[in-house]
């Protein structure tokens, strides 16, 4: 089992910044991808940003240039720095970890709300 502990989201104004963190603990081994997805009401969950092997980032086109994902391998933690936030970034943000080796499973966090006021 793996536990994912997400930091609190929050309410920010358009153009503002917010930093999310997610720490994983438990049965973590091998190579994995760790990151964030989000889901707004009425929409499907979509990938926001992910980090593979601790150093290979991947971003949704909608957040490129505004969001930065980074990681601390020793602590199995990822950080999502969100700058220049837009109302369309408002959603529940979910941390996830995806195992890339046999036996390492996939897990999701409980989600944290990010609200962007216009």
N, C-alpha and C. Protein backbone atom coordinates (compact mmCIF):
# COMPACT_ATOMS: atom_id res chain seq x y z
N UNK A 1 0.83 -1.20 0.00
CA UNK A 1 0.00 0.00 0.00
C UNK A 1 0.86 1.25 0.00
N UNK A 2 0.37 2.27 -0.65
CA UNK A 2 1.03 3.57 -0.71
C UNK A 2 0.06 4.63 -0.24
N UNK A 3 0.54 5.55 0.57
CA UNK A 3 -0.28 6.66 1.02
C UNK A 3 0.26 7.94 0.39
N UNK A 4 -0.65 8.77 -0.06
CA UNK A 4 -0.31 10.06 -0.66
C UNK A 4 -0.91 11.16 0.19
N UNK A 5 -0.07 12.04 0.68
CA UNK A 5 -0.53 13.15 1.51
C UNK A 5 -0.33 14.44 0.72
N UNK A 6 -1.44 15.08 0.41
CA UNK A 6 -1.42 16.30 -0.39
C UNK A 6 -1.50 17.52 0.52
N UNK A 7 -0.88 18.57 0.09
CA UNK A 7 -1.02 19.83 0.82
C UNK A 7 -2.38 20.43 0.50
N UNK A 8 -2.75 21.40 1.30
CA UNK A 8 -4.02 22.08 1.08
C UNK A 8 -3.96 22.94 -0.18
N UNK A 9 -5.05 22.98 -0.91
CA UNK A 9 -5.16 23.90 -2.03
C UNK A 9 -5.49 25.27 -1.48
N UNK A 10 -6.34 25.98 -2.18
CA UNK A 10 -6.72 27.27 -1.65
C UNK A 10 -7.40 28.13 -2.68
N UNK A 11 -7.67 29.34 -2.24
CA UNK A 11 -8.31 30.33 -3.10
C UNK A 11 -7.29 31.39 -3.47
N UNK A 12 -7.12 31.62 -4.75
CA UNK A 12 -6.19 32.64 -5.22
C UNK A 12 -6.88 33.49 -6.27
N UNK A 13 -6.37 34.66 -6.45
CA UNK A 13 -6.90 35.54 -7.48
C UNK A 13 -6.26 35.19 -8.83
N UNK A 14 -6.95 35.56 -9.87
CA UNK A 14 -6.39 35.39 -11.20
C UNK A 14 -5.02 36.06 -11.27
N UNK A 15 -4.07 35.33 -11.81
CA UNK A 15 -2.71 35.84 -11.89
C UNK A 15 -1.85 35.48 -10.70
N UNK A 16 -2.46 34.92 -9.70
CA UNK A 16 -1.74 34.57 -8.49
C UNK A 16 -1.02 33.25 -8.61
N UNK A 17 -0.40 32.86 -7.51
CA UNK A 17 0.41 31.64 -7.47
C UNK A 17 0.00 30.77 -6.29
N UNK A 18 0.27 29.50 -6.46
CA UNK A 18 -0.02 28.53 -5.41
C UNK A 18 0.93 27.36 -5.59
N UNK A 19 1.35 26.79 -4.49
CA UNK A 19 2.25 25.64 -4.55
C UNK A 19 1.59 24.46 -3.83
N UNK A 20 1.52 23.36 -4.55
CA UNK A 20 1.01 22.12 -3.98
C UNK A 20 2.16 21.15 -3.77
N UNK A 21 2.02 20.34 -2.74
CA UNK A 21 3.00 19.27 -2.53
C UNK A 21 2.27 17.96 -2.28
N UNK A 22 2.97 16.90 -2.56
CA UNK A 22 2.41 15.57 -2.36
C UNK A 22 3.54 14.64 -1.93
N UNK A 23 3.35 14.04 -0.77
CA UNK A 23 4.35 13.12 -0.24
C UNK A 23 3.79 11.70 -0.25
N UNK A 24 4.57 10.80 -0.79
CA UNK A 24 4.18 9.39 -0.85
C UNK A 24 4.96 8.58 0.17
N UNK A 25 4.29 7.65 0.77
CA UNK A 25 4.95 6.76 1.73
C UNK A 25 4.35 5.37 1.60
N UNK A 26 5.10 4.40 2.09
CA UNK A 26 4.61 3.03 2.01
C UNK A 26 5.48 2.19 1.10
N UNK A 27 4.83 1.29 0.39
CA UNK A 27 5.53 0.33 -0.44
C UNK A 27 5.86 0.93 -1.81
N UNK A 28 6.92 1.73 -1.82
CA UNK A 28 7.35 2.39 -3.05
C UNK A 28 8.68 1.81 -3.46
N UNK A 29 8.77 1.38 -4.68
CA UNK A 29 10.03 0.81 -5.14
C UNK A 29 10.11 0.95 -6.65
N UNK A 30 11.31 0.88 -7.14
CA UNK A 30 11.53 0.94 -8.58
C UNK A 30 11.28 2.31 -9.15
N UNK A 31 11.10 2.31 -10.45
CA UNK A 31 10.89 3.56 -11.17
C UNK A 31 9.39 3.87 -11.20
N UNK A 32 9.06 5.14 -11.05
CA UNK A 32 7.65 5.51 -11.05
C UNK A 32 7.47 6.91 -11.58
N UNK A 33 6.26 7.21 -11.92
CA UNK A 33 5.84 8.56 -12.30
C UNK A 33 4.96 9.10 -11.19
N UNK A 34 5.21 10.32 -10.83
CA UNK A 34 4.42 10.94 -9.77
C UNK A 34 4.00 12.32 -10.24
N UNK A 35 2.76 12.69 -9.98
CA UNK A 35 2.34 13.98 -10.49
C UNK A 35 0.95 14.36 -10.05
N UNK A 36 0.35 15.22 -10.86
CA UNK A 36 -0.94 15.80 -10.53
C UNK A 36 -1.88 15.73 -11.73
N UNK A 37 -3.12 15.43 -11.44
CA UNK A 37 -4.19 15.55 -12.40
C UNK A 37 -5.25 16.43 -11.76
N UNK A 38 -6.17 16.90 -12.57
CA UNK A 38 -7.23 17.75 -12.01
C UNK A 38 -8.56 17.44 -12.67
N UNK A 39 -9.59 17.78 -11.94
CA UNK A 39 -10.93 17.55 -12.45
C UNK A 39 -11.84 18.69 -12.04
N UNK A 40 -12.34 19.38 -13.02
CA UNK A 40 -13.32 20.44 -12.79
C UNK A 40 -14.72 19.85 -12.94
N UNK A 41 -15.71 20.49 -12.34
CA UNK A 41 -17.08 19.97 -12.43
C UNK A 41 -17.51 19.79 -13.88
N UNK A 42 -18.04 18.62 -14.18
CA UNK A 42 -18.51 18.35 -15.53
C UNK A 42 -17.45 17.94 -16.51
N UNK A 43 -16.20 17.94 -16.05
CA UNK A 43 -15.10 17.58 -16.93
C UNK A 43 -14.47 16.26 -16.50
N UNK A 44 -13.77 15.65 -17.44
CA UNK A 44 -13.00 14.46 -17.10
C UNK A 44 -11.72 14.85 -16.39
N UNK A 45 -11.20 13.91 -15.63
CA UNK A 45 -9.92 14.15 -14.98
C UNK A 45 -8.85 14.22 -16.06
N UNK A 46 -7.97 15.21 -15.93
CA UNK A 46 -6.93 15.40 -16.92
C UNK A 46 -5.58 15.55 -16.25
N UNK A 47 -4.58 15.08 -16.95
CA UNK A 47 -3.22 15.23 -16.45
C UNK A 47 -2.82 16.70 -16.46
N UNK A 48 -2.18 17.12 -15.39
CA UNK A 48 -1.65 18.48 -15.32
C UNK A 48 -0.14 18.44 -15.53
N UNK A 49 0.54 17.69 -14.70
CA UNK A 49 1.99 17.59 -14.78
C UNK A 49 2.43 16.34 -14.07
N UNK A 50 3.52 15.77 -14.55
CA UNK A 50 4.04 14.56 -13.94
C UNK A 50 5.55 14.54 -14.06
N UNK A 51 6.15 13.79 -13.17
CA UNK A 51 7.59 13.68 -13.13
C UNK A 51 7.94 12.20 -13.09
N UNK A 52 8.74 11.77 -14.05
CA UNK A 52 9.12 10.37 -14.13
C UNK A 52 10.56 10.21 -13.72
N UNK A 53 10.79 9.26 -12.86
CA UNK A 53 12.15 9.01 -12.41
C UNK A 53 12.76 10.18 -11.65
N UNK A 54 11.94 11.10 -11.26
CA UNK A 54 12.41 12.24 -10.50
C UNK A 54 12.98 13.37 -11.33
N UNK A 55 13.10 13.15 -12.64
CA UNK A 55 13.74 14.22 -13.42
C UNK A 55 13.22 14.39 -14.83
N UNK A 56 12.19 13.69 -15.23
CA UNK A 56 11.63 13.85 -16.58
C UNK A 56 10.22 14.40 -16.43
N UNK A 57 10.04 15.69 -16.70
CA UNK A 57 8.72 16.29 -16.53
C UNK A 57 7.85 16.16 -17.78
N UNK A 58 6.58 16.21 -17.54
CA UNK A 58 5.60 16.20 -18.62
C UNK A 58 4.47 17.12 -18.20
N UNK A 59 4.05 17.98 -19.12
CA UNK A 59 3.02 18.97 -18.78
C UNK A 59 1.88 18.93 -19.79
N UNK A 60 0.71 19.24 -19.30
CA UNK A 60 -0.40 19.50 -20.21
C UNK A 60 -0.11 20.81 -20.95
N UNK A 61 -0.53 20.88 -22.19
CA UNK A 61 -0.27 22.09 -22.98
C UNK A 61 -0.84 23.33 -22.30
N UNK A 62 -1.95 23.16 -21.62
CA UNK A 62 -2.64 24.31 -21.03
C UNK A 62 -1.88 24.94 -19.87
N UNK A 63 -0.89 24.23 -19.32
CA UNK A 63 -0.16 24.77 -18.18
C UNK A 63 1.32 25.01 -18.47
N UNK A 64 1.75 24.66 -19.65
CA UNK A 64 3.17 24.86 -19.99
C UNK A 64 3.53 26.33 -19.89
N UNK A 65 4.67 26.56 -19.27
CA UNK A 65 5.13 27.93 -19.08
C UNK A 65 4.59 28.59 -17.84
N UNK A 66 3.60 27.99 -17.21
CA UNK A 66 3.01 28.57 -16.00
C UNK A 66 3.21 27.67 -14.78
N UNK A 67 3.16 26.39 -14.97
CA UNK A 67 3.31 25.43 -13.88
C UNK A 67 4.66 24.75 -13.98
N UNK A 68 5.22 24.45 -12.82
CA UNK A 68 6.49 23.73 -12.76
C UNK A 68 6.37 22.60 -11.74
N UNK A 69 6.72 21.42 -12.18
CA UNK A 69 6.73 20.29 -11.26
C UNK A 69 8.17 19.95 -10.91
N UNK A 70 8.39 19.66 -9.65
CA UNK A 70 9.72 19.28 -9.20
C UNK A 70 9.57 18.17 -8.17
N UNK A 71 10.67 17.53 -7.88
CA UNK A 71 10.57 16.39 -6.97
C UNK A 71 11.75 16.27 -6.03
N UNK A 72 11.50 15.57 -4.96
CA UNK A 72 12.53 15.22 -3.99
C UNK A 72 12.49 13.70 -3.87
N UNK A 73 13.40 13.06 -4.58
CA UNK A 73 13.37 11.59 -4.62
C UNK A 73 13.55 10.97 -3.25
N UNK A 74 14.40 11.57 -2.45
CA UNK A 74 14.69 11.00 -1.13
C UNK A 74 13.44 10.98 -0.25
N UNK A 75 12.55 11.93 -0.51
CA UNK A 75 11.32 12.02 0.29
C UNK A 75 10.09 11.56 -0.47
N UNK A 76 10.29 11.05 -1.69
CA UNK A 76 9.15 10.63 -2.52
C UNK A 76 8.07 11.71 -2.56
N UNK A 77 8.53 12.91 -2.82
CA UNK A 77 7.64 14.07 -2.78
C UNK A 77 7.72 14.82 -4.10
N UNK A 78 6.59 15.30 -4.56
CA UNK A 78 6.57 16.18 -5.72
C UNK A 78 5.91 17.49 -5.34
N UNK A 79 6.34 18.53 -6.03
CA UNK A 79 5.81 19.86 -5.80
C UNK A 79 5.29 20.40 -7.13
N UNK A 80 4.19 21.10 -7.05
CA UNK A 80 3.64 21.74 -8.24
C UNK A 80 3.53 23.23 -7.96
N UNK A 81 4.39 23.98 -8.60
CA UNK A 81 4.34 25.43 -8.49
C UNK A 81 3.45 25.95 -9.61
N UNK A 82 2.39 26.61 -9.23
CA UNK A 82 1.42 27.12 -10.20
C UNK A 82 1.45 28.63 -10.19
N UNK A 83 1.85 29.20 -11.30
CA UNK A 83 1.91 30.65 -11.44
C UNK A 83 0.92 31.12 -12.50
N UNK A 84 0.65 32.39 -12.48
CA UNK A 84 -0.26 32.99 -13.47
C UNK A 84 -1.55 32.20 -13.57
N UNK A 85 -2.13 31.92 -12.43
CA UNK A 85 -3.33 31.09 -12.41
C UNK A 85 -4.50 31.79 -13.11
N UNK A 86 -5.29 30.97 -13.76
CA UNK A 86 -6.46 31.44 -14.50
C UNK A 86 -7.71 30.80 -13.91
N UNK A 87 -8.85 31.40 -14.13
CA UNK A 87 -10.10 30.78 -13.63
C UNK A 87 -10.27 29.35 -14.13
N UNK A 88 -9.81 29.07 -15.32
CA UNK A 88 -9.96 27.72 -15.87
C UNK A 88 -9.03 26.70 -15.21
N UNK A 89 -8.13 27.16 -14.36
CA UNK A 89 -7.29 26.24 -13.60
C UNK A 89 -8.02 25.72 -12.36
N UNK A 90 -9.12 26.32 -12.02
CA UNK A 90 -9.86 25.90 -10.84
C UNK A 90 -10.37 24.48 -11.01
N UNK A 91 -10.10 23.66 -10.01
CA UNK A 91 -10.47 22.25 -10.09
C UNK A 91 -10.06 21.58 -8.78
N UNK A 92 -10.44 20.33 -8.66
CA UNK A 92 -9.86 19.50 -7.61
C UNK A 92 -8.60 18.87 -8.19
N UNK A 93 -7.51 19.06 -7.51
CA UNK A 93 -6.23 18.54 -7.95
C UNK A 93 -5.91 17.25 -7.19
N UNK A 94 -5.57 16.23 -7.95
CA UNK A 94 -5.29 14.92 -7.38
C UNK A 94 -3.84 14.53 -7.63
N UNK A 95 -3.18 14.16 -6.58
CA UNK A 95 -1.84 13.62 -6.70
C UNK A 95 -1.94 12.14 -7.08
N UNK A 96 -0.99 11.67 -7.85
CA UNK A 96 -0.98 10.25 -8.19
C UNK A 96 0.46 9.75 -8.25
N UNK A 97 0.58 8.46 -8.08
CA UNK A 97 1.85 7.79 -8.29
C UNK A 97 1.56 6.57 -9.15
N UNK A 98 2.35 6.41 -10.19
CA UNK A 98 2.15 5.32 -11.14
C UNK A 98 3.42 4.50 -11.23
N UNK A 99 3.32 3.24 -10.80
CA UNK A 99 4.47 2.39 -10.86
C UNK A 99 4.83 2.01 -12.28
N UNK A 100 6.12 1.92 -12.55
CA UNK A 100 6.60 1.57 -13.88
C UNK A 100 7.35 0.24 -13.88
N UNK A 101 7.30 -0.45 -12.76
CA UNK A 101 7.92 -1.76 -12.66
C UNK A 101 6.89 -2.74 -12.15
N UNK A 102 7.05 -4.01 -12.46
CA UNK A 102 6.07 -5.01 -11.98
C UNK A 102 5.93 -4.96 -10.48
N UNK A 103 4.70 -5.00 -10.04
CA UNK A 103 4.42 -5.03 -8.62
C UNK A 103 4.21 -3.68 -7.99
N UNK A 104 4.69 -2.65 -8.62
CA UNK A 104 4.48 -1.29 -8.09
C UNK A 104 3.19 -0.77 -8.70
N UNK A 105 2.18 -0.59 -7.87
CA UNK A 105 0.85 -0.26 -8.35
C UNK A 105 0.65 1.25 -8.50
N UNK A 106 -0.55 1.63 -8.87
CA UNK A 106 -0.91 3.03 -9.04
C UNK A 106 -1.83 3.47 -7.91
N UNK A 107 -1.63 4.70 -7.44
CA UNK A 107 -2.43 5.21 -6.34
C UNK A 107 -2.79 6.67 -6.59
N UNK A 108 -3.92 7.05 -5.99
CA UNK A 108 -4.39 8.43 -6.09
C UNK A 108 -4.55 9.03 -4.70
N UNK A 109 -4.29 10.33 -4.59
CA UNK A 109 -4.60 11.05 -3.38
C UNK A 109 -6.08 11.40 -3.32
N UNK A 110 -6.46 12.01 -2.22
CA UNK A 110 -7.87 12.33 -2.01
C UNK A 110 -8.32 13.57 -2.76
N UNK A 111 -7.38 14.37 -3.17
CA UNK A 111 -7.72 15.58 -3.92
C UNK A 111 -7.75 16.81 -3.04
N UNK A 112 -7.41 17.92 -3.64
CA UNK A 112 -7.43 19.19 -2.93
C UNK A 112 -7.97 20.26 -3.87
N UNK A 113 -8.80 21.12 -3.32
CA UNK A 113 -9.50 22.11 -4.14
C UNK A 113 -8.64 23.33 -4.39
N UNK A 114 -8.57 23.71 -5.63
CA UNK A 114 -7.94 24.97 -6.02
C UNK A 114 -9.01 25.83 -6.66
N UNK A 115 -9.20 27.01 -6.11
CA UNK A 115 -10.20 27.94 -6.62
C UNK A 115 -9.49 29.21 -7.07
N UNK A 116 -9.85 29.68 -8.25
CA UNK A 116 -9.23 30.89 -8.79
C UNK A 116 -10.33 31.91 -9.04
N UNK A 117 -10.25 33.02 -8.35
CA UNK A 117 -11.27 34.04 -8.50
C UNK A 117 -10.88 35.02 -9.60
N UNK A 118 -11.89 35.44 -10.32
CA UNK A 118 -11.62 36.37 -11.44
C UNK A 118 -11.74 37.81 -10.99
